[in-house]
């Protein structure tokens, strides 16, 4: 073999070796590049309804509850830029009260419910509720609060009577809502110190129903409800009124409130 051919063969071998070393040192990018977990750690912040305290004439006014009342906060998230395929997990602490969370893993557009139930030992105190959202190594926290007054729920029985009137009518006139006589409801008083207008919240698996009624003689004894679809709505989407309960008026559709009642 001539020296020229030998040199050509050796040169080719060296070129192959150099190419293999280069490939080993700089591997090609995969179809799914390693982004260091950016998807799981995408930035977000949480929103809480209601936010308390309320500033009225420069004074912090805290919402009131009574022992055993279910104070329900609605929690959503807002992604900052990049969306994630992973949900944000909602947690909460409230010293002096019990905490229950419904639909605790949320994406943007979904709603979690943080239910805080003060105990008898909390009367005369202010419950501070710390609500936290966590996704990967990213978290956000909001702190809200309400005061606990002495009192007991003395409106449940009448609230359930009014609920039955609306439910039987909705089952016939709005079957698309899926509310029937068999729908199970859990109720709690809200705004317990209000006297002329009473308020109550009822929860089924699908709906939050806010009931309010005017404690007056006919024809001013009205009752109203508004309905929020749980876990994907922050505001009510339906509202109905009985203009006079004692006159057995039929419910009629009314303007829907822009906010939930708490």
C-alpha atoms as a PDB file:
ATOM      1  CA  UNK A   1       0.000   0.000   0.000  1.00  0.00           C
ATOM      2  CA  UNK A   2       1.362   3.395  -0.936  1.00  0.00           C
ATOM      3  CA  UNK A   3       2.131   6.009   1.664  1.00  0.00           C
ATOM      4  CA  UNK A   4      -0.485   8.282   0.073  1.00  0.00           C
ATOM      5  CA  UNK A   5      -3.305   5.700   0.547  1.00  0.00           C
ATOM      6  CA  UNK A   6      -2.194   4.969   4.113  1.00  0.00           C
ATOM      7  CA  UNK A   7      -2.255   8.660   4.962  1.00  0.00           C
ATOM      8  CA  UNK A   8      -5.759   8.992   3.528  1.00  0.00           C
ATOM      9  CA  UNK A   9      -7.034   6.057   5.607  1.00  0.00           C
ATOM     10  CA  UNK A  10      -5.482   7.413   8.793  1.00  0.00           C
ATOM     11  CA  UNK A  11      -6.908  10.842   8.096  1.00  0.00           C
ATOM     12  CA  UNK A  12     -10.403   9.417   7.692  1.00  0.00           C
ATOM     13  CA  UNK A  13     -10.146   7.484  10.963  1.00  0.00           C
ATOM     14  CA  UNK A  14      -9.049  10.597  12.822  1.00  0.00           C
ATOM     15  CA  UNK A  15     -11.995  12.548  11.384  1.00  0.00           C
ATOM     16  CA  UNK A  16     -14.468   9.884  12.589  1.00  0.00           C
ATOM     17  CA  UNK A  17     -12.947   9.898  16.069  1.00  0.00           C
ATOM     18  CA  UNK A  18     -13.171  13.694  16.272  1.00  0.00           C
ATOM     19  CA  UNK A  19     -16.827  13.593  15.180  1.00  0.00           C
ATOM     20  CA  UNK A  20     -17.712  10.974  17.818  1.00  0.00           C
ATOM     21  CA  UNK A  21     -16.050  13.016  20.541  1.00  0.00           C
ATOM     22  CA  UNK A  22     -17.983  16.086  19.445  1.00  0.00           C
ATOM     23  CA  UNK A  23     -21.297  14.220  19.554  1.00  0.00           C
ATOM     24  CA  UNK A  24     -20.536  12.895  23.029  1.00  0.00           C
ATOM     25  CA  UNK A  25     -19.641  16.349  24.289  1.00  0.00           C
ATOM     26  CA  UNK A  26     -22.676  18.095  22.745  1.00  0.00           C
ATOM     27  CA  UNK A  27     -25.634  15.691  22.545  1.00  0.00           C
ATOM     28  CA  UNK A  28     -28.505  16.764  20.274  1.00  0.00           C
ATOM     29  CA  UNK A  29     -31.498  18.485  21.894  1.00  0.00           C
ATOM     30  CA  UNK A  30     -34.348  16.111  22.713  1.00  0.00           C
ATOM     31  CA  UNK A  31     -37.912  16.678  21.475  1.00  0.00           C
ATOM     32  CA  UNK A  32     -38.844  17.736  25.031  1.00  0.00           C
ATOM     33  CA  UNK A  33     -35.979  19.889  26.320  1.00  0.00           C
ATOM     34  CA  UNK A  34     -35.217  19.857  30.014  1.00  0.00           C
ATOM     35  CA  UNK A  35     -36.525  23.191  31.252  1.00  0.00           C
ATOM     36  CA  UNK A  36     -35.495  22.595  34.842  1.00  0.00           C
ATOM     37  CA  UNK A  37     -39.106  22.066  35.957  1.00  0.00           C
ATOM     38  CA  UNK A  38     -40.398  25.419  34.706  1.00  0.00           C
ATOM     39  CA  UNK A  39     -43.838  23.926  34.019  1.00  0.00           C
ATOM     40  CA  UNK A  40     -44.209  22.677  37.576  1.00  0.00           C
ATOM     41  CA  UNK A  41     -42.848  25.912  39.004  1.00  0.00           C
ATOM     42  CA  UNK A  42     -44.752  28.372  36.822  1.00  0.00           C
ATOM     43  CA  UNK A  43     -45.468  31.616  38.676  1.00  0.00           C
ATOM     44  CA  UNK A  44     -49.017  32.422  39.870  1.00  0.00           C
ATOM     45  CA  UNK A  45     -50.882  34.321  42.561  1.00  0.00           C
ATOM     46  CA  UNK A  46     -54.055  33.495  44.466  1.00  0.00           C
ATOM     47  CA  UNK A  47     -57.244  35.537  44.873  1.00  0.00           C
ATOM     48  CA  UNK A  48     -59.543  35.287  47.900  1.00  0.00           C
ATOM     49  CA  UNK A  49     -63.212  36.318  48.220  1.00  0.00           C
ATOM     50  CA  UNK A  50     -64.145  37.950  50.495  1.00  0.00           C
ATOM     51  CA  UNK A  51     -61.108  40.012  51.335  1.00  0.00           C
ATOM     52  CA  UNK A  52     -61.278  41.364  54.878  1.00  0.00           C
ATOM     53  CA  UNK A  53     -61.218  43.657  56.680  1.00  0.00           C
ATOM     54  CA  UNK A  54     -63.278  46.234  54.807  1.00  0.00           C
ATOM     55  CA  UNK A  55     -62.114  49.821  54.939  1.00  0.00           C
ATOM     56  CA  UNK A  56     -65.135  52.032  55.736  1.00  0.00           C
ATOM     57  CA  UNK A  57     -64.357  55.711  56.294  1.00  0.00           C
ATOM     58  CA  UNK A  58     -60.768  54.834  57.082  1.00  0.00           C
ATOM     59  CA  UNK A  59     -61.708  52.268  59.733  1.00  0.00           C
ATOM     60  CA  UNK A  60     -61.095  48.527  59.410  1.00  0.00           C
ATOM     61  CA  UNK A  61     -64.461  46.776  59.784  1.00  0.00           C
ATOM     62  CA  UNK A  62     -64.290  43.012  60.172  1.00  0.00           C
ATOM     63  CA  UNK A  63     -67.035  40.651  59.111  1.00  0.00           C
ATOM     64  CA  UNK A  64     -68.846  38.888  61.954  1.00  0.00           C
ATOM     65  CA  UNK A  65     -69.670  35.237  62.507  1.00  0.00           C
ATOM     66  CA  UNK A  66     -70.964  33.071  65.343  1.00  0.00           C
ATOM     67  CA  UNK A  67     -69.679  29.719  66.648  1.00  0.00           C
ATOM     68  CA  UNK A  68     -70.567  26.864  64.320  1.00  0.00           C
ATOM     69  CA  UNK A  69     -71.159  29.109  61.317  1.00  0.00           C
ATOM     70  CA  UNK A  70     -69.455  28.013  58.099  1.00  0.00           C
ATOM     71  CA  UNK A  71     -67.521  31.023  56.806  1.00  0.00           C
ATOM     72  CA  UNK A  72     -66.808  30.148  53.167  1.00  0.00           C
ATOM     73  CA  UNK A  73     -63.940  31.786  51.276  1.00  0.00           C
ATOM     74  CA  UNK A  74     -63.666  31.369  47.510  1.00  0.00           C
ATOM     75  CA  UNK A  75     -60.133  30.964  46.147  1.00  0.00           C
ATOM     76  CA  UNK A  76     -58.894  31.187  42.551  1.00  0.00           C
ATOM     77  CA  UNK A  77     -55.461  31.402  40.939  1.00  0.00           C
ATOM     78  CA  UNK A  78     -54.069  33.597  38.184  1.00  0.00           C
ATOM     79  CA  UNK A  79     -51.104  32.324  36.176  1.00  0.00           C
ATOM     80  CA  UNK A  80     -48.370  34.848  35.543  1.00  0.00           C
ATOM     81  CA  UNK A  81     -47.274  34.231  31.978  1.00  0.00           C
ATOM     82  CA  UNK A  82     -46.550  30.565  31.363  1.00  0.00           C
ATOM     83  CA  UNK A  83     -49.424  28.165  31.935  1.00  0.00           C
ATOM     84  CA  UNK A  84     -48.847  24.897  33.725  1.00  0.00           C
ATOM     85  CA  UNK A  85     -50.255  21.424  33.292  1.00  0.00           C
ATOM     86  CA  UNK A  86     -50.098  21.034  37.068  1.00  0.00           C
ATOM     87  CA  UNK A  87     -52.724  22.443  39.470  1.00  0.00           C
ATOM     88  CA  UNK A  88     -52.125  24.722  42.422  1.00  0.00           C
ATOM     89  CA  UNK A  89     -52.842  23.030  45.748  1.00  0.00           C
ATOM     90  CA  UNK A  90     -54.747  25.174  48.254  1.00  0.00           C
ATOM     91  CA  UNK A  91     -54.174  24.847  51.998  1.00  0.00           C
ATOM     92  CA  UNK A  92     -55.223  26.993  54.959  1.00  0.00           C
ATOM     93  CA  UNK A  93     -54.727  27.526  58.672  1.00  0.00           C
ATOM     94  CA  UNK A  94     -57.071  29.298  61.086  1.00  0.00           C
ATOM     95  CA  UNK A  95     -56.118  29.065  64.791  1.00  0.00           C
ATOM     96  CA  UNK A  96     -59.261  28.835  66.890  1.00  0.00           C
ATOM     97  CA  UNK A  97     -61.372  27.297  64.129  1.00  0.00           C
ATOM     98  CA  UNK A  98     -61.789  24.154  62.074  1.00  0.00           C
ATOM     99  CA  UNK A  99     -60.855  24.249  58.379  1.00  0.00           C
ATOM    100  CA  UNK A 100     -62.304  22.176  55.533  1.00  0.00           C
ATOM    101  CA  UNK A 101     -61.258  22.606  51.895  1.00  0.00           C
ATOM    102  CA  UNK A 102     -63.322  21.612  48.872  1.00  0.00           C
ATOM    103  CA  UNK A 103     -61.800  21.225  45.385  1.00  0.00           C
ATOM    104  CA  UNK A 104     -58.343  21.949  46.769  1.00  0.00           C
ATOM    105  CA  UNK A 105     -56.395  21.416  43.505  1.00  0.00           C
ATOM    106  CA  UNK A 106     -57.273  24.215  41.083  1.00  0.00           C
ATOM    107  CA  UNK A 107     -56.291  25.484  37.660  1.00  0.00           C
ATOM    108  CA  UNK A 108     -56.946  28.993  36.407  1.00  0.00           C
ATOM    109  CA  UNK A 109     -60.702  29.384  35.909  1.00  0.00           C
ATOM    110  CA  UNK A 110     -61.580  26.988  38.744  1.00  0.00           C
ATOM    111  CA  UNK A 111     -62.704  27.789  42.288  1.00  0.00           C
ATOM    112  CA  UNK A 112     -61.672  26.236  45.595  1.00  0.00           C
ATOM    113  CA  UNK A 113     -63.713  26.692  48.768  1.00  0.00           C
ATOM    114  CA  UNK A 114     -62.029  27.192  52.140  1.00  0.00           C
ATOM    115  CA  UNK A 115     -64.576  26.663  54.918  1.00  0.00           C
ATOM    116  CA  UNK A 116     -63.659  28.030  58.352  1.00  0.00           C
ATOM    117  CA  UNK A 117     -65.826  27.053  61.348  1.00  0.00           C
ATOM    118  CA  UNK A 118     -65.181  28.991  64.590  1.00  0.00           C
ATOM    119  CA  UNK A 119     -65.677  27.259  67.933  1.00  0.00           C
ATOM    120  CA  UNK A 120     -67.250  28.467  71.189  1.00  0.00           C
ATOM    121  CA  UNK A 121     -63.816  29.253  72.596  1.00  0.00           C
ATOM    122  CA  UNK A 122     -63.311  31.826  69.820  1.00  0.00           C
ATOM    123  CA  UNK A 123     -66.127  34.154  70.960  1.00  0.00           C
ATOM    124  CA  UNK A 124     -64.830  37.704  71.248  1.00  0.00           C
ATOM    125  CA  UNK A 125     -61.735  37.034  69.141  1.00  0.00           C
ATOM    126  CA  UNK A 126     -60.710  37.637  65.558  1.00  0.00           C
ATOM    127  CA  UNK A 127     -59.919  34.558  63.493  1.00  0.00           C
ATOM    128  CA  UNK A 128     -56.976  35.047  61.145  1.00  0.00           C
ATOM    129  CA  UNK A 129     -57.109  32.782  58.114  1.00  0.00           C
ATOM    130  CA  UNK A 130     -53.907  32.172  56.151  1.00  0.00           C
ATOM    131  CA  UNK A 131     -54.682  30.711  52.726  1.00  0.00           C
ATOM    132  CA  UNK A 132     -51.767  29.348  50.706  1.00  0.00           C
ATOM    133  CA  UNK A 133     -51.437  28.124  47.140  1.00  0.00           C
ATOM    134  CA  UNK A 134     -48.508  25.863  46.237  1.00  0.00           C
ATOM    135  CA  UNK A 135     -47.220  24.472  42.948  1.00  0.00           C
ATOM    136  CA  UNK A 136     -43.764  22.948  42.886  1.00  0.00           C
ATOM    137  CA  UNK A 137     -41.405  25.365  44.643  1.00  0.00           C
ATOM    138  CA  UNK A 138     -43.682  28.376  44.035  1.00  0.00           C
ATOM    139  CA  UNK A 139     -46.241  29.566  46.605  1.00  0.00           C
ATOM    140  CA  UNK A 140     -48.437  32.556  47.358  1.00  0.00           C
ATOM    141  CA  UNK A 141     -50.343  33.419  50.514  1.00  0.00           C
ATOM    142  CA  UNK A 142     -53.221  35.695  51.449  1.00  0.00           C
ATOM    143  CA  UNK A 143     -54.247  36.456  55.025  1.00  0.00           C
ATOM    144  CA  UNK A 144     -57.832  37.418  55.801  1.00  0.00           C
ATOM    145  CA  UNK A 145     -59.917  37.498  58.966  1.00  0.00           C
ATOM    146  CA  UNK A 146     -63.313  37.783  60.634  1.00  0.00           C
ATOM    147  CA  UNK A 147     -64.579  38.304  64.170  1.00  0.00           C
ATOM    148  CA  UNK A 148     -66.589  35.853  66.258  1.00  0.00           C
ATOM    149  CA  UNK A 149     -69.585  37.156  68.220  1.00  0.00           C
ATOM    150  CA  UNK A 150     -71.762  35.365  70.748  1.00  0.00           C
ATOM    151  CA  UNK A 151     -74.916  33.872  69.238  1.00  0.00           C
ATOM    152  CA  UNK A 152     -76.621  30.799  67.872  1.00  0.00           C
ATOM    153  CA  UNK A 153     -78.389  29.843  64.678  1.00  0.00           C
ATOM    154  CA  UNK A 154     -82.120  30.368  65.267  1.00  0.00           C
ATOM    155  CA  UNK A 155     -83.086  30.733  61.589  1.00  0.00           C
ATOM    156  CA  UNK A 156     -82.418  27.274  60.199  1.00  0.00           C
ATOM    157  CA  UNK A 157     -85.971  25.911  60.416  1.00  0.00           C
ATOM    158  CA  UNK A 158     -87.599  28.787  58.551  1.00  0.00           C
ATOM    159  CA  UNK A 159     -84.749  28.945  56.037  1.00  0.00           C
ATOM    160  CA  UNK A 160     -85.350  25.286  55.184  1.00  0.00           C
ATOM    161  CA  UNK A 161     -89.088  25.969  54.709  1.00  0.00           C
ATOM    162  CA  UNK A 162     -88.306  28.731  52.226  1.00  0.00           C
ATOM    163  CA  UNK A 163     -85.709  26.560  50.504  1.00  0.00           C
ATOM    164  CA  UNK A 164     -88.346  23.878  49.904  1.00  0.00           C
ATOM    165  CA  UNK A 165     -90.637  26.423  48.227  1.00  0.00           C
ATOM    166  CA  UNK A 166     -87.942  27.458  45.771  1.00  0.00           C
ATOM    167  CA  UNK A 167     -86.660  23.924  45.160  1.00  0.00           C
ATOM    168  CA  UNK A 168     -90.078  22.521  44.240  1.00  0.00           C
ATOM    169  CA  UNK A 169     -90.602  25.399  41.803  1.00  0.00           C
ATOM    170  CA  UNK A 170     -87.108  25.087  40.276  1.00  0.00           C
ATOM    171  CA  UNK A 171     -87.553  21.341  39.773  1.00  0.00           C
ATOM    172  CA  UNK A 172     -90.612  22.012  37.613  1.00  0.00           C
ATOM    173  CA  UNK A 173     -89.668  25.241  35.875  1.00  0.00           C
ATOM    174  CA  UNK A 174     -85.883  24.901  35.524  1.00  0.00           C
ATOM    175  CA  UNK A 175     -85.066  21.200  35.178  1.00  0.00           C
ATOM    176  CA  UNK A 176     -81.850  22.140  33.347  1.00  0.00           C
ATOM    177  CA  UNK A 177     -80.362  23.128  36.705  1.00  0.00           C
ATOM    178  CA  UNK A 178     -80.618  19.563  38.002  1.00  0.00           C
ATOM    179  CA  UNK A 179     -82.194  20.702  41.282  1.00  0.00           C
ATOM    180  CA  UNK A 180     -84.933  18.339  42.496  1.00  0.00           C
ATOM    181  CA  UNK A 181     -86.693  17.334  45.701  1.00  0.00           C
ATOM    182  CA  UNK A 182     -83.970  14.696  46.125  1.00  0.00           C
ATOM    183  CA  UNK A 183     -81.123  17.221  46.060  1.00  0.00           C
ATOM    184  CA  UNK A 184     -79.252  17.144  49.387  1.00  0.00           C
ATOM    185  CA  UNK A 185     -78.330  20.506  50.945  1.00  0.00           C
ATOM    186  CA  UNK A 186     -76.075  21.587  53.808  1.00  0.00           C
ATOM    187  CA  UNK A 187     -76.911  24.976  55.297  1.00  0.00           C
ATOM    188  CA  UNK A 188     -75.264  27.657  57.387  1.00  0.00           C
ATOM    189  CA  UNK A 189     -76.307  31.041  58.688  1.00  0.00           C
ATOM    190  CA  UNK A 190     -74.491  34.109  57.376  1.00  0.00           C
ATOM    191  CA  UNK A 191     -74.626  37.750  58.508  1.00  0.00           C
ATOM    192  CA  UNK A 192     -76.056  36.473  61.813  1.00  0.00           C
ATOM    193  CA  UNK A 193     -76.447  39.898  63.450  1.00  0.00           C
ATOM    194  CA  UNK A 194     -78.693  41.278  60.700  1.00  0.00           C
ATOM    195  CA  UNK A 195     -82.281  41.628  61.945  1.00  0.00           C
ATOM    196  CA  UNK A 196     -84.676  42.972  59.290  1.00  0.00           C
ATOM    197  CA  UNK A 197     -83.223  40.881  56.440  1.00  0.00           C
ATOM    198  CA  UNK A 198     -82.009  37.373  57.217  1.00  0.00           C
ATOM    199  CA  UNK A 199     -79.456  35.436  55.175  1.00  0.00           C
ATOM    200  CA  UNK A 200     -78.652  31.751  54.799  1.00  0.00           C
ATOM    201  CA  UNK A 201     -76.358  29.729  52.534  1.00  0.00           C
ATOM    202  CA  UNK A 202     -77.156  26.239  51.291  1.00  0.00           C
ATOM    203  CA  UNK A 203     -74.721  23.973  49.449  1.00  0.00           C
ATOM    204  CA  UNK A 204     -75.473  20.971  47.258  1.00  0.00           C
ATOM    205  CA  UNK A 205     -72.802  19.011  45.408  1.00  0.00           C
ATOM    206  CA  UNK A 206     -73.188  21.374  42.458  1.00  0.00           C
ATOM    207  CA  UNK A 207     -74.720  24.645  43.681  1.00  0.00           C
ATOM    208  CA  UNK A 208     -74.303  27.357  46.292  1.00  0.00           C
ATOM    209  CA  UNK A 209     -77.730  28.853  47.041  1.00  0.00           C
ATOM    210  CA  UNK A 210     -77.927  32.165  48.899  1.00  0.00           C
ATOM    211  CA  UNK A 211     -81.332  32.697  50.498  1.00  0.00           C
ATOM    212  CA  UNK A 212     -82.476  36.019  51.958  1.00  0.00           C
ATOM    213  CA  UNK A 213     -85.845  37.043  53.287  1.00  0.00           C
ATOM    214  CA  UNK A 214     -87.518  40.198  54.599  1.00  0.00           C
ATOM    215  CA  UNK A 215     -88.866  39.824  58.110  1.00  0.00           C
ATOM    216  CA  UNK A 216     -92.024  41.910  57.604  1.00  0.00           C
ATOM    217  CA  UNK A 217     -95.788  41.527  57.305  1.00  0.00           C
ATOM    218  CA  UNK A 218     -97.469  41.028  53.876  1.00  0.00           C
ATOM    219  CA  UNK A 219     -97.107  42.292  51.253  1.00  0.00           C
ATOM    220  CA  UNK A 220     -93.495  43.091  52.172  1.00  0.00           C
ATOM    221  CA  UNK A 221     -92.546  39.562  53.219  1.00  0.00           C
ATOM    222  CA  UNK A 222     -90.388  38.759  50.190  1.00  0.00           C
ATOM    223  CA  UNK A 223     -87.817  36.012  49.813  1.00  0.00           C
ATOM    224  CA  UNK A 224     -85.005  35.775  47.248  1.00  0.00           C
ATOM    225  CA  UNK A 225     -82.391  33.281  46.158  1.00  0.00           C
ATOM    226  CA  UNK A 226     -79.350  33.439  43.922  1.00  0.00           C
ATOM    227  CA  UNK A 227     -77.378  30.460  42.640  1.00  0.00           C
ATOM    228  CA  UNK A 228     -73.636  30.085  42.055  1.00  0.00           C
ATOM    229  CA  UNK A 229     -72.265  27.031  40.273  1.00  0.00           C
ATOM    230  CA  UNK A 230     -69.604  25.705  42.631  1.00  0.00           C
ATOM    231  CA  UNK A 231     -65.966  25.216  41.575  1.00  0.00           C
ATOM    232  CA  UNK A 232     -66.181  27.161  38.290  1.00  0.00           C
ATOM    233  CA  UNK A 233     -68.091  30.368  39.112  1.00  0.00           C
ATOM    234  CA  UNK A 234     -67.244  33.305  41.380  1.00  0.00           C
ATOM    235  CA  UNK A 235     -70.561  35.080  40.883  1.00  0.00           C
ATOM    236  CA  UNK A 236     -74.201  33.958  40.895  1.00  0.00           C
ATOM    237  CA  UNK A 237     -75.682  33.048  37.523  1.00  0.00           C
ATOM    238  CA  UNK A 238     -79.410  32.815  38.442  1.00  0.00           C
ATOM    239  CA  UNK A 239     -81.697  34.706  40.829  1.00  0.00           C
ATOM    240  CA  UNK A 240     -85.397  34.382  41.730  1.00  0.00           C
ATOM    241  CA  UNK A 241     -87.855  36.091  44.060  1.00  0.00           C
ATOM    242  CA  UNK A 242     -91.128  35.314  45.842  1.00  0.00           C
ATOM    243  CA  UNK A 243     -92.700  38.746  46.223  1.00  0.00           C
ATOM    244  CA  UNK A 244     -94.871  37.709  49.202  1.00  0.00           C
ATOM    245  CA  UNK A 245     -94.387  34.432  51.036  1.00  0.00           C
ATOM    246  CA  UNK A 246     -97.691  34.551  52.903  1.00  0.00           C
ATOM    247  CA  UNK A 247     -99.557  35.369  49.703  1.00  0.00           C
ATOM    248  CA  UNK A 248     -97.989  32.212  48.183  1.00  0.00           C
ATOM    249  CA  UNK A 249     -96.676  34.163  45.208  1.00  0.00           C
ATOM    250  CA  UNK A 250     -94.931  32.163  42.481  1.00  0.00           C
ATOM    251  CA  UNK A 251     -91.180  32.766  42.134  1.00  0.00           C
ATOM    252  CA  UNK A 252     -90.069  34.949  39.245  1.00  0.00           C
ATOM    253  CA  UNK A 253     -86.641  35.588  37.740  1.00  0.00           C
ATOM    254  CA  UNK A 254     -84.924  38.782  38.914  1.00  0.00           C
ATOM    255  CA  UNK A 255     -81.675  40.597  38.203  1.00  0.00           C
ATOM    256  CA  UNK A 256     -78.675  38.509  39.230  1.00  0.00           C
ATOM    257  CA  UNK A 257     -76.382  39.999  41.894  1.00  0.00           C
ATOM    258  CA  UNK A 258     -72.854  40.793  40.780  1.00  0.00           C
ATOM    259  CA  UNK A 259     -71.196  39.306  43.867  1.00  0.00           C
ATOM    260  CA  UNK A 260     -71.676  36.437  46.283  1.00  0.00           C
ATOM    261  CA  UNK A 261     -73.046  37.137  49.757  1.00  0.00           C
ATOM    262  CA  UNK A 262     -70.880  36.499  52.799  1.00  0.00           C
END
